[in-house]
């Protein structure tokens, strides 16, 4: 027999289970050295060392570039692509964007099986 108390408990469990993917968002970070000015997702990054943090959400990854030793931050969005295996290193792939500017095309993070792609 289902009581109102049981229905409340079942409803609360369903709410918690449906929110679980949101709570378990994938996060990561790495250190990157940028040798020349580049564009990343429409924002300019100056040469230097950066701590880069990301968090995967429903619409891709929110990425924050923090200049080491300086409070300056650049926040951008990227798309996620899954890799067949985890990356052995942190890497920033530099190339030309659609406007012909030097740009970070994607980032790899050591120990992670994702690639964050920018345009």
Protein backbone atom coordinates (compact mmCIF):
# COMPACT_ATOMS: atom_id res chain seq x y z
CA UNK A 1 0.00 0.00 0.00
CA UNK A 2 1.39 3.38 -1.04
CA UNK A 3 0.98 6.07 1.57
CA UNK A 4 1.43 9.80 1.18
CA UNK A 5 4.64 9.52 3.21
CA UNK A 6 6.02 6.92 0.76
CA UNK A 7 5.08 9.15 -2.19
CA UNK A 8 7.00 12.05 -0.65
CA UNK A 9 10.09 9.87 -0.16
CA UNK A 10 9.85 8.50 -3.71
CA UNK A 11 9.41 12.03 -5.13
CA UNK A 12 12.45 13.29 -3.23
CA UNK A 13 14.56 10.39 -4.51
CA UNK A 14 13.49 11.05 -8.09
CA UNK A 15 14.41 14.73 -7.73
CA UNK A 16 17.84 13.85 -6.36
CA UNK A 17 18.48 11.29 -9.10
CA UNK A 18 17.47 13.69 -11.86
CA UNK A 19 19.82 16.35 -10.45
CA UNK A 20 22.78 13.93 -10.14
CA UNK A 21 24.23 14.64 -13.62
CA UNK A 22 24.23 18.37 -12.86
CA UNK A 23 25.98 17.84 -9.52
CA UNK A 24 28.58 15.56 -11.11
CA UNK A 25 29.81 18.09 -13.67
CA UNK A 26 33.29 17.27 -14.90
CA UNK A 27 35.99 19.72 -13.87
CA UNK A 28 39.71 19.94 -14.47
CA UNK A 29 42.71 22.22 -14.71
CA UNK A 30 46.21 22.46 -16.09
CA UNK A 31 49.07 24.86 -16.64
CA UNK A 32 49.81 26.16 -20.12
CA UNK A 33 52.56 28.39 -21.54
CA UNK A 34 51.56 30.66 -24.41
CA UNK A 35 54.50 31.96 -26.47
CA UNK A 36 52.76 34.65 -28.54
CA UNK A 37 49.51 36.64 -28.51
CA UNK A 38 46.61 34.43 -29.63
CA UNK A 39 42.84 34.53 -29.85
CA UNK A 40 40.71 32.02 -27.96
CA UNK A 41 36.96 32.02 -28.61
CA UNK A 42 37.09 35.70 -29.62
CA UNK A 43 39.22 36.87 -26.66
CA UNK A 44 42.91 37.78 -26.80
CA UNK A 45 45.44 35.92 -24.66
CA UNK A 46 48.85 37.52 -24.11
CA UNK A 47 52.09 35.50 -23.92
CA UNK A 48 52.82 33.96 -20.53
CA UNK A 49 52.02 31.12 -18.17
CA UNK A 50 48.39 30.38 -17.39
CA UNK A 51 46.45 28.23 -15.00
CA UNK A 52 43.48 27.02 -17.01
CA UNK A 53 40.37 25.63 -15.34
CA UNK A 54 37.33 24.18 -17.02
CA UNK A 55 33.92 22.88 -16.07
CA UNK A 56 31.79 20.84 -18.44
CA UNK A 57 28.13 21.82 -18.54
CA UNK A 58 25.12 21.22 -20.74
CA UNK A 59 26.37 23.66 -23.41
CA UNK A 60 30.04 22.69 -23.57
CA UNK A 61 32.83 23.82 -21.27
CA UNK A 62 33.29 27.05 -19.37
CA UNK A 63 37.04 27.77 -19.47
CA UNK A 64 38.96 30.30 -17.37
CA UNK A 65 42.52 31.36 -18.26
CA UNK A 66 44.23 32.88 -15.19
CA UNK A 67 47.56 34.59 -15.79
CA UNK A 68 50.05 33.19 -13.23
CA UNK A 69 51.05 35.89 -10.74
CA UNK A 70 48.42 38.32 -12.01
CA UNK A 71 44.70 38.54 -11.19
CA UNK A 72 43.80 38.94 -14.88
CA UNK A 73 41.36 36.28 -16.11
CA UNK A 74 39.83 35.49 -19.46
CA UNK A 75 36.62 33.45 -19.49
CA UNK A 76 35.46 31.69 -22.66
CA UNK A 77 33.23 28.84 -23.83
CA UNK A 78 34.37 25.79 -25.77
CA UNK A 79 32.88 22.63 -27.20
CA UNK A 80 33.73 19.18 -25.83
CA UNK A 81 34.96 16.26 -27.89
CA UNK A 82 35.65 12.89 -26.27
CA UNK A 83 38.96 11.19 -27.04
CA UNK A 84 39.60 7.44 -27.37
CA UNK A 85 42.18 7.60 -24.60
CA UNK A 86 43.37 9.97 -21.90
CA UNK A 87 45.93 12.59 -22.89
CA UNK A 88 49.50 12.12 -21.64
CA UNK A 89 50.10 15.88 -21.41
CA UNK A 90 48.60 19.37 -21.35
CA UNK A 91 48.65 20.90 -24.81
CA UNK A 92 47.32 23.99 -26.55
CA UNK A 93 46.97 23.53 -30.32
CA UNK A 94 47.77 26.85 -32.02
CA UNK A 95 46.69 27.49 -35.60
CA UNK A 96 44.69 29.97 -37.67
CA UNK A 97 41.05 30.68 -36.91
CA UNK A 98 38.45 31.46 -39.61
CA UNK A 99 39.54 35.14 -39.60
CA UNK A 100 43.18 34.15 -40.23
CA UNK A 101 44.42 35.10 -36.75
CA UNK A 102 46.73 32.99 -34.60
CA UNK A 103 44.36 31.17 -32.25
CA UNK A 104 44.07 28.37 -29.75
CA UNK A 105 42.11 25.77 -31.67
CA UNK A 106 41.80 23.27 -28.82
CA UNK A 107 43.17 22.26 -25.42
CA UNK A 108 44.14 18.82 -24.11
CA UNK A 109 44.47 18.12 -20.38
CA UNK A 110 46.81 15.48 -18.96
CA UNK A 111 44.90 12.49 -17.64
CA UNK A 112 41.60 13.53 -19.25
CA UNK A 113 39.79 12.02 -22.23
CA UNK A 114 38.39 15.30 -23.52
CA UNK A 115 39.42 17.93 -26.00
CA UNK A 116 38.02 21.46 -25.58
CA UNK A 117 37.58 22.98 -29.03
CA UNK A 118 37.33 26.73 -29.71
CA UNK A 119 36.28 28.83 -32.72
